[in-house]
C-alpha atoms as a PDB file:
ATOM      1  CA  MET A   1      -0.092  -0.085  -0.032  1.00  0.00           C
ATOM      2  CA  ASP A   2       1.457   3.738  -1.132  1.00  0.00           C
ATOM      3  CA  THR A   3       2.189   4.956   2.529  1.00  0.00           C
ATOM      4  CA  ALA A   4       2.662   8.647   0.894  1.00  0.00           C
ATOM      5  CA  LEU A   5      -0.944   8.949   0.789  1.00  0.00           C
ATOM      6  CA  GLY A   6      -2.649  12.280   2.800  1.00  0.00           C
ATOM      7  CA  PHE A   7      -3.649  15.548   2.075  1.00  0.00           C
ATOM      8  CA  SER A   8      -0.547  16.485   0.329  1.00  0.00           C
ATOM      9  CA  HIS A   9      -0.449  13.150  -2.244  1.00  0.00           C
ATOM     10  CA  PHE A  10      -4.263  14.437  -2.917  1.00  0.00           C
ATOM     11  CA  LEU A  11      -3.330  18.036  -3.450  1.00  0.00           C
ATOM     12  CA  ALA A  12      -0.877  16.990  -6.453  1.00  0.00           C
ATOM     13  CA  GLN A  13      -3.116  14.745  -7.907  1.00  0.00           C
ATOM     14  CA  SER A  14      -5.660  17.332  -7.821  1.00  0.00           C
ATOM     15  CA  ASP A  15      -6.929  19.056 -11.244  1.00  0.00           C
ATOM     16  CA  GLY A  16      -8.001  22.518 -11.487  1.00  0.00           C
ATOM     17  CA  LEU A  17     -11.223  22.619 -10.040  1.00  0.00           C
ATOM     18  CA  ILE A  18     -10.354  20.482  -6.840  1.00  0.00           C
ATOM     19  CA  ARG A  19      -7.501  23.286  -6.037  1.00  0.00           C
ATOM     20  CA  PHE A  20     -10.732  26.136  -7.171  1.00  0.00           C
ATOM     21  CA  VAL A  21     -13.226  24.629  -4.479  1.00  0.00           C
ATOM     22  CA  LEU A  22     -10.573  24.402  -1.792  1.00  0.00           C
ATOM     23  CA  GLY A  23      -9.591  28.585  -2.930  1.00  0.00           C
ATOM     24  CA  VAL A  24     -13.274  29.127  -1.849  1.00  0.00           C
ATOM     25  CA  LEU A  25     -13.130  27.178   1.258  1.00  0.00           C
ATOM     26  CA  LEU A  26      -9.987  28.974   2.196  1.00  0.00           C
ATOM     27  CA  VAL A  27     -11.569  32.033   1.719  1.00  0.00           C
ATOM     28  CA  MET A  28     -15.027  31.752   3.194  1.00  0.00           C
ATOM     29  CA  SER A  29     -13.437  30.315   5.895  1.00  0.00           C
ATOM     30  CA  VAL A  30     -11.011  33.766   6.505  1.00  0.00           C
ATOM     31  CA  ALA A  31     -13.525  36.162   5.954  1.00  0.00           C
ATOM     32  CA  CYS A  32     -15.843  34.345   8.483  1.00  0.00           C
ATOM     33  CA  TRP A  33     -13.259  34.004  10.948  1.00  0.00           C
ATOM     34  CA  TYR A  34     -12.388  38.076  10.594  1.00  0.00           C
ATOM     35  CA  LEU A  35     -15.888  39.073  10.940  1.00  0.00           C
ATOM     36  CA  MET A  36     -16.300  36.371  13.956  1.00  0.00           C
ATOM     37  CA  PHE A  37     -13.179  38.647  15.526  1.00  0.00           C
ATOM     38  CA  SER A  38     -14.023  42.045  14.305  1.00  0.00           C
ATOM     39  CA  LYS A  39     -17.496  41.893  15.575  1.00  0.00           C
ATOM     40  CA  ALA A  40     -16.970  40.609  18.929  1.00  0.00           C
ATOM     41  CA  LEU A  41     -14.113  42.688  19.755  1.00  0.00           C
ATOM     42  CA  GLY A  42     -16.792  45.390  18.345  1.00  0.00           C
ATOM     43  CA  ASN A  43     -19.643  43.952  20.574  1.00  0.00           C
ATOM     44  CA  ARG A  44     -17.376  43.773  23.612  1.00  0.00           C
ATOM     45  CA  ARG A  45     -15.967  47.667  22.906  1.00  0.00           C
ATOM     46  CA  ALA A  46     -19.611  48.866  22.679  1.00  0.00           C
ATOM     47  CA  ARG A  47     -20.708  47.166  25.985  1.00  0.00           C
ATOM     48  CA  MET A  48     -17.967  48.162  28.046  1.00  0.00           C
ATOM     49  CA  ARG A  49     -18.833  51.721  26.576  1.00  0.00           C
ATOM     50  CA  THR A  50     -22.610  51.423  27.349  1.00  0.00           C
ATOM     51  CA  GLU A  51     -22.666  50.177  30.750  1.00  0.00           C
ATOM     52  CA  ALA A  52     -20.306  53.437  31.664  1.00  0.00           C
ATOM     53  CA  PHE A  53     -22.231  55.622  29.357  1.00  0.00           C
ATOM     54  CA  LEU A  54     -25.810  54.525  31.062  1.00  0.00           C
ATOM     55  CA  SER A  55     -23.804  54.346  34.290  1.00  0.00           C
ATOM     56  CA  ARG A  56     -23.616  59.168  33.753  1.00  0.00           C
ATOM     57  CA  PHE A  57     -26.598  58.901  32.084  1.00  0.00           C
ATOM     58  CA  TRP A  58     -28.696  57.640  35.640  1.00  0.00           C
ATOM     59  CA  ASP A  59     -26.699  59.567  37.938  1.00  0.00           C
ATOM     60  CA  ALA A  60     -27.162  62.707  36.181  1.00  0.00           C
ATOM     61  CA  SER A  61     -29.466  65.489  38.370  1.00  0.00           C
ATOM     62  CA  SER A  62     -31.524  66.540  35.290  1.00  0.00           C
ATOM     63  CA  LEU A  63     -32.183  66.507  31.426  1.00  0.00           C
ATOM     64  CA  ALA A  64     -29.808  69.955  31.270  1.00  0.00           C
ATOM     65  CA  GLU A  65     -26.975  68.252  32.845  1.00  0.00           C
ATOM     66  CA  PHE A  66     -27.023  65.130  30.747  1.00  0.00           C
ATOM     67  CA  ARG A  67     -27.226  66.931  27.794  1.00  0.00           C
ATOM     68  CA  THR A  68     -23.959  68.903  28.755  1.00  0.00           C
ATOM     69  CA  MET A  69     -22.118  65.415  29.276  1.00  0.00           C
ATOM     70  CA  LEU A  70     -23.157  64.080  25.905  1.00  0.00           C
ATOM     71  CA  ASP A  71     -21.766  66.561  24.185  1.00  0.00           C
ATOM     72  CA  SER A  72     -18.513  65.596  25.597  1.00  0.00           C
ATOM     73  CA  ASP A  73     -19.709  61.898  25.376  1.00  0.00           C
ATOM     74  CA  GLY A  74     -16.922  60.034  22.848  1.00  0.00           C
ATOM     75  CA  GLY A  75     -20.120  58.367  21.796  1.00  0.00           C
ATOM     76  CA  GLY A  76     -19.275  54.959  19.405  1.00  0.00           C
ATOM     77  CA  HIS A  77     -22.051  53.117  20.274  1.00  0.00           C
ATOM     78  CA  ALA A  78     -25.844  52.761  20.171  1.00  0.00           C
ATOM     79  CA  PHE A  79     -27.504  54.201  23.638  1.00  0.00           C
ATOM     80  CA  ALA A  80     -25.406  57.218  23.109  1.00  0.00           C
ATOM     81  CA  THR A  81     -26.935  58.090  19.724  1.00  0.00           C
ATOM     82  CA  LEU A  82     -30.053  57.275  20.529  1.00  0.00           C
ATOM     83  CA  ALA A  83     -30.127  59.653  23.683  1.00  0.00           C
ATOM     84  CA  SER A  84     -28.588  62.198  21.169  1.00  0.00           C
ATOM     85  CA  GLN A  85     -31.732  61.723  18.624  1.00  0.00           C
ATOM     86  CA  ALA A  86     -33.912  62.101  21.502  1.00  0.00           C
ATOM     87  CA  LEU A  87     -32.540  65.232  23.227  1.00  0.00           C
ATOM     88  CA  ARG A  88     -32.139  67.121  19.669  1.00  0.00           C
ATOM     89  CA  ALA A  89     -35.815  66.085  18.842  1.00  0.00           C
ATOM     90  CA  SER A  90     -36.531  67.872  21.912  1.00  0.00           C
ATOM     91  CA  ARG A  91     -34.469  70.979  21.719  1.00  0.00           C
ATOM     92  CA  ASP A  92     -36.017  71.571  18.460  1.00  0.00           C
ATOM     93  CA  GLU A  93     -39.629  71.137  19.757  1.00  0.00           C
ATOM     94  CA  GLU A  94     -38.655  74.080  22.112  1.00  0.00           C
ATOM     95  CA  SER A  95     -36.852  76.523  19.933  1.00  0.00           C
ATOM     96  CA  ASN A  96     -39.442  76.377  17.207  1.00  0.00           C
ATOM     97  CA  GLY A  97     -41.837  74.134  17.242  1.00  0.00           C
ATOM     98  CA  VAL A  98     -40.870  71.399  14.558  1.00  0.00           C
ATOM     99  CA  ARG A  99     -42.681  72.681  12.046  1.00  0.00           C
ATOM    100  CA  LYS A 100     -42.537  69.970   9.417  1.00  0.00           C
ATOM    101  CA  LEU A 101     -44.219  66.874   8.644  1.00  0.00           C
ATOM    102  CA  THR A 102     -42.113  63.823  10.830  1.00  0.00           C
ATOM    103  CA  ALA A 103     -43.252  66.232  13.789  1.00  0.00           C
ATOM    104  CA  ALA A 104     -46.722  65.870  13.145  1.00  0.00           C
ATOM    105  CA  GLY A 105     -48.957  64.727  15.854  1.00  0.00           C
ATOM    106  CA  GLY A 106     -47.520  66.694  18.586  1.00  0.00           C
ATOM    107  CA  ILE A 107     -44.004  65.500  20.729  1.00  0.00           C
ATOM    108  CA  GLY A 108     -44.470  62.430  21.619  1.00  0.00           C
ATOM    109  CA  GLU A 109     -45.361  61.131  18.430  1.00  0.00           C
ATOM    110  CA  TYR A 110     -42.428  62.906  16.987  1.00  0.00           C
ATOM    111  CA  LEU A 111     -40.188  61.265  19.448  1.00  0.00           C
ATOM    112  CA  THR A 112     -41.815  58.378  18.607  1.00  0.00           C
ATOM    113  CA  ARG A 113     -40.689  58.215  15.428  1.00  0.00           C
ATOM    114  CA  VAL A 114     -36.960  59.568  16.299  1.00  0.00           C
ATOM    115  CA  LEU A 115     -36.739  56.647  18.339  1.00  0.00           C
ATOM    116  CA  ARG A 116     -38.161  53.739  16.795  1.00  0.00           C
ATOM    117  CA  SER A 117     -36.110  55.320  13.443  1.00  0.00           C
ATOM    118  CA  GLY A 118     -32.659  54.965  16.014  1.00  0.00           C
ATOM    119  CA  ILE A 119     -33.507  51.364  16.817  1.00  0.00           C
ATOM    120  CA  GLU A 120     -33.681  50.190  13.311  1.00  0.00           C
ATOM    121  CA  GLN A 121     -30.782  51.347  12.705  1.00  0.00           C
ATOM    122  CA  GLU A 122     -29.168  49.738  15.248  1.00  0.00           C
ATOM    123  CA  ALA A 123     -30.837  46.712  14.268  1.00  0.00           C
ATOM    124  CA  THR A 124     -29.546  47.128  10.399  1.00  0.00           C
ATOM    125  CA  ARG A 125     -26.260  47.828  11.874  1.00  0.00           C
ATOM    126  CA  ALA A 126     -26.101  44.877  13.908  1.00  0.00           C
ATOM    127  CA  GLU A 127     -27.085  42.694  11.688  1.00  0.00           C
ATOM    128  CA  SER A 128     -24.400  43.343   9.159  1.00  0.00           C
ATOM    129  CA  GLY A 129     -22.173  40.476   8.369  1.00  0.00           C
ATOM    130  CA  LEU A 130     -24.936  37.537   9.366  1.00  0.00           C
ATOM    131  CA  SER A 131     -25.827  36.596   6.221  1.00  0.00           C
ATOM    132  CA  LEU A 132     -22.070  35.755   5.250  1.00  0.00           C
ATOM    133  CA  LEU A 133     -22.049  33.092   8.103  1.00  0.00           C
ATOM    134  CA  ALA A 134     -25.197  31.887   7.393  1.00  0.00           C
ATOM    135  CA  SER A 135     -24.628  31.445   3.827  1.00  0.00           C
ATOM    136  CA  THR A 136     -21.103  29.643   5.073  1.00  0.00           C
ATOM    137  CA  GLY A 137     -22.487  27.422   7.107  1.00  0.00           C
ATOM    138  CA  SER A 138     -25.485  26.477   4.823  1.00  0.00           C
ATOM    139  CA  VAL A 139     -23.186  26.022   1.559  1.00  0.00           C
ATOM    140  CA  ALA A 140     -19.594  25.009   3.008  1.00  0.00           C
ATOM    141  CA  PRO A 141     -20.684  21.579   3.265  1.00  0.00           C
ATOM    142  CA  TYR A 142     -22.184  21.069   0.101  1.00  0.00           C
ATOM    143  CA  VAL A 143     -18.924  22.668  -1.617  1.00  0.00           C
ATOM    144  CA  GLY A 144     -16.697  20.266   0.511  1.00  0.00           C
ATOM    145  CA  LEU A 145     -18.750  17.491  -0.916  1.00  0.00           C
ATOM    146  CA  PHE A 146     -18.848  18.539  -4.261  1.00  0.00           C
ATOM    147  CA  GLY A 147     -15.133  18.435  -3.558  1.00  0.00           C
ATOM    148  CA  THR A 148     -14.751  14.760  -2.188  1.00  0.00           C
ATOM    149  CA  VAL A 149     -17.365  13.523  -5.203  1.00  0.00           C
ATOM    150  CA  TRP A 150     -15.035  15.224  -8.205  1.00  0.00           C
ATOM    151  CA  GLY A 151     -12.518  13.533  -6.213  1.00  0.00           C
ATOM    152  CA  ILE A 152     -13.447  10.094  -6.027  1.00  0.00           C
ATOM    153  CA  TYR A 153     -14.659  10.254  -9.866  1.00  0.00           C
ATOM    154  CA  HIS A 154     -11.089  10.932 -10.677  1.00  0.00           C
ATOM    155  CA  ALA A 155      -9.472   8.480  -8.204  1.00  0.00           C
ATOM    156  CA  LEU A 156     -12.103   5.671  -9.748  1.00  0.00           C
ATOM    157  CA  LEU A 157     -10.892   6.640 -13.016  1.00  0.00           C
ATOM    158  CA  ARG A 158      -7.360   6.499 -12.818  1.00  0.00           C
ATOM    159  CA  ILE A 159      -7.585   3.281 -11.063  1.00  0.00           C
ATOM    160  CA  GLY A 160      -9.447   1.789 -13.643  1.00  0.00           C
ATOM    161  CA  LEU A 161      -7.166   2.936 -15.771  1.00  0.00           C
ATOM    162  CA  SER A 162      -4.578   1.044 -14.104  1.00  0.00           C
ATOM    163  CA  GLY A 163      -6.097  -2.379 -14.095  1.00  0.00           C
ATOM    164  CA  GLN A 164      -5.662  -2.845 -10.399  1.00  0.00           C
ATOM    165  CA  GLY A 165      -9.508  -2.354  -8.246  1.00  0.00           C
ATOM    166  CA  THR A 166      -7.836  -3.935  -5.484  1.00  0.00           C
ATOM    167  CA  LEU A 167      -9.145  -2.836  -2.019  1.00  0.00           C
ATOM    168  CA  ASP A 168      -6.080  -1.070  -0.764  1.00  0.00           C
ATOM    169  CA  LYS A 169      -5.860   0.476  -4.346  1.00  0.00           C
ATOM    170  CA  VAL A 170      -9.615   2.009  -4.048  1.00  0.00           C
ATOM    171  CA  ALA A 171      -8.942   2.641  -0.372  1.00  0.00           C
ATOM    172  CA  GLY A 172      -6.240   5.449   0.113  1.00  0.00           C
ATOM    173  CA  PRO A 173      -8.025   7.743  -3.160  1.00  0.00           C
ATOM    174  CA  VAL A 174     -11.190   7.775  -1.991  1.00  0.00           C
ATOM    175  CA  GLY A 175     -10.449   8.557   1.682  1.00  0.00           C
ATOM    176  CA  GLU A 176      -8.189  11.261   0.320  1.00  0.00           C
ATOM    177  CA  ALA A 177     -11.721  12.541  -1.457  1.00  0.00           C
ATOM    178  CA  LEU A 178     -13.193  12.362   1.488  1.00  0.00           C
ATOM    179  CA  ILE A 179     -10.909  15.183   3.130  1.00  0.00           C
ATOM    180  CA  MET A 180     -12.427  17.462   1.242  1.00  0.00           C
ATOM    181  CA  THR A 181     -15.663  17.277   2.763  1.00  0.00           C
ATOM    182  CA  GLY A 182     -14.543  17.318   6.289  1.00  0.00           C
ATOM    183  CA  LEU A 183     -12.837  20.685   5.165  1.00  0.00           C
ATOM    184  CA  GLY A 184     -16.652  21.754   4.377  1.00  0.00           C
ATOM    185  CA  LEU A 185     -17.687  21.055   7.828  1.00  0.00           C
ATOM    186  CA  ALA A 186     -14.740  22.697   9.065  1.00  0.00           C
ATOM    187  CA  VAL A 187     -15.484  25.833   7.342  1.00  0.00           C
ATOM    188  CA  ALA A 188     -19.582  25.496   8.421  1.00  0.00           C
ATOM    189  CA  ILE A 189     -19.757  24.384  12.020  1.00  0.00           C
ATOM    190  CA  PRO A 190     -17.359  27.760  13.679  1.00  0.00           C
ATOM    191  CA  ALA A 191     -19.760  30.404  11.483  1.00  0.00           C
ATOM    192  CA  VAL A 192     -23.293  28.443  12.607  1.00  0.00           C
ATOM    193  CA  LEU A 193     -22.183  28.789  16.080  1.00  0.00           C
ATOM    194  CA  ALA A 194     -20.859  32.061  15.307  1.00  0.00           C
ATOM    195  CA  TYR A 195     -24.242  33.284  13.875  1.00  0.00           C
ATOM    196  CA  ASN A 196     -26.321  31.494  16.556  1.00  0.00           C
ATOM    197  CA  ALA A 197     -24.438  33.232  19.269  1.00  0.00           C
ATOM    198  CA  PHE A 198     -24.289  36.549  17.637  1.00  0.00           C
ATOM    199  CA  ASN A 199     -27.890  36.793  17.064  1.00  0.00           C
ATOM    200  CA  ARG A 200     -28.888  35.572  20.567  1.00  0.00           C
ATOM    201  CA  TRP A 201     -25.978  38.831  21.368  1.00  0.00           C
ATOM    202  CA  ASN A 202     -28.473  41.230  18.980  1.00  0.00           C
ATOM    203  CA  ARG A 203     -31.955  39.940  20.774  1.00  0.00           C
ATOM    204  CA  VAL A 204     -30.543  41.107  23.801  1.00  0.00           C
ATOM    205  CA  TRP A 205     -28.529  44.256  22.484  1.00  0.00           C
ATOM    206  CA  LEU A 206     -31.503  45.110  21.048  1.00  0.00           C
ATOM    207  CA  GLY A 207     -33.730  44.632  23.951  1.00  0.00           C
ATOM    208  CA  ARG A 208     -32.264  46.826  25.961  1.00  0.00           C
ATOM    209  CA  LEU A 209     -32.146  48.998  23.852  1.00  0.00           C
ATOM    210  CA  ASP A 210     -35.549  49.226  23.475  1.00  0.00           C
ATOM    211  CA  ALA A 211     -36.080  49.575  27.178  1.00  0.00           C
ATOM    212  CA  PHE A 212     -33.744  52.657  27.300  1.00  0.00           C
ATOM    213  CA  ALA A 213     -35.744  54.028  24.833  1.00  0.00           C
ATOM    214  CA  HIS A 214     -38.439  53.509  26.324  1.00  0.00           C
ATOM    215  CA  ASP A 215     -36.910  55.864  29.449  1.00  0.00           C
ATOM    216  CA  LEU A 216     -35.683  58.335  26.986  1.00  0.00           C
ATOM    217  CA  TYR A 217     -39.534  58.676  25.819  1.00  0.00           C
ATOM    218  CA  THR A 218     -41.013  59.195  29.396  1.00  0.00           C
ATOM    219  CA  LEU A 219     -38.082  61.524  30.556  1.00  0.00           C
ATOM    220  CA  VAL A 220     -38.373  63.639  27.745  1.00  0.00           C
ATOM    221  CA  THR A 221     -41.905  63.947  27.533  1.00  0.00           C
ATOM    222  CA  VAL A 222     -42.318  64.259  31.497  1.00  0.00           C
ATOM    223  CA  GLY A 223     -39.738  66.878  31.291  1.00  0.00           C
ATOM    224  CA  GLU A 224     -41.288  68.530  28.503  1.00  0.00           C
ATOM    225  CA  LYS A 225     -44.875  68.905  30.842  1.00  0.00           C
ATOM    226  CA  LEU A 226     -42.787  69.785  34.060  1.00  0.00           C
ATOM    227  CA  ASN A 227     -40.735  72.034  32.842  1.00  0.00           C
ATOM    228  CA  SER A 228     -38.355  72.266  35.668  1.00  0.00           C
ATOM    229  CA  SER A 229     -34.453  70.317  36.576  1.00  0.00           C
ATOM    230  CA  ALA A 230     -36.036  69.465  39.570  1.00  0.00           C
ATOM    231  CA  GLY A 231     -39.138  67.720  38.185  1.00  0.00           C
ATOM    232  CA  VAL A 232     -37.106  66.083  35.610  1.00  0.00           C
ATOM    233  CA  ALA A 233     -34.230  65.520  38.481  1.00  0.00           C
ATOM    234  CA  ARG A 234     -37.240  63.513  40.262  1.00  0.00           C
ATOM    235  CA  ALA A 235     -38.634  61.948  37.189  1.00  0.00           C
ATOM    236  CA  LEU A 236     -35.077  60.338  36.427  1.00  0.00           C
ATOM    237  CA  ARG A 237     -35.270  58.696  39.665  1.00  0.00           C
ATOM    238  CA  VAL A 238     -38.620  57.341  39.446  1.00  0.00           C
ATOM    239  CA  VAL A 239     -37.243  55.511  36.461  1.00  0.00           C
ATOM    240  CA  ALA A 240     -33.432  54.580  37.648  1.00  0.00           C
ATOM    241  CA  THR A 241     -35.481  53.298  40.648  1.00  0.00           C
ATOM    242  CA  SER A 242     -38.032  51.220  38.280  1.00  0.00           C
ATOM    243  CA  ALA A 243     -35.400  49.691  35.864  1.00  0.00           C
END
């Protein structure tokens, strides 16, 4: 039996199509691992910034103080962006009544649209790249299987032409071709696991963002009605306690 059998031997015997399939799997794997590391790093950074931001937010004594703090905040996460959009909508309403179609229905309806738009934008951003992971998890096993079928086909052709159809001559080339199926699974499994993990993280993240949007709506609308820093400070404490 040929003791030189293995992946290197299979690669040396393979044709252009097999090498193309290997290249496709390699590109898919590199793209998925890059996306996994970058998204994991970005999510961790956003979570740390959000925790610090929320701590400062609930420590503010009034919306006016929070506006000042927000102007000096570096941002870089959805919670700060959403708060900035809500306070900008409130400031526009205070200054000139926001006479445009987006403000039809009053400050409550206007603020609802602003917050909903901010959450939808963050949902779109959070889901970016997940289609690549889902596609890789679905397609990579079949790409590897195609390489296996093609490799077995050519191995059997070579064996048939050589006239040596014994088991020891068939098992080696067929076993080598099965490497392609293993490579397809090796690409697909991390992509599927990462897709599920990021999907769960997005659900938790967007749930917290939605709850924060409700708090912002309460604070801004209550602040409009009370029209005093003391009243807003009491509202801040009430919402923080209930949260």
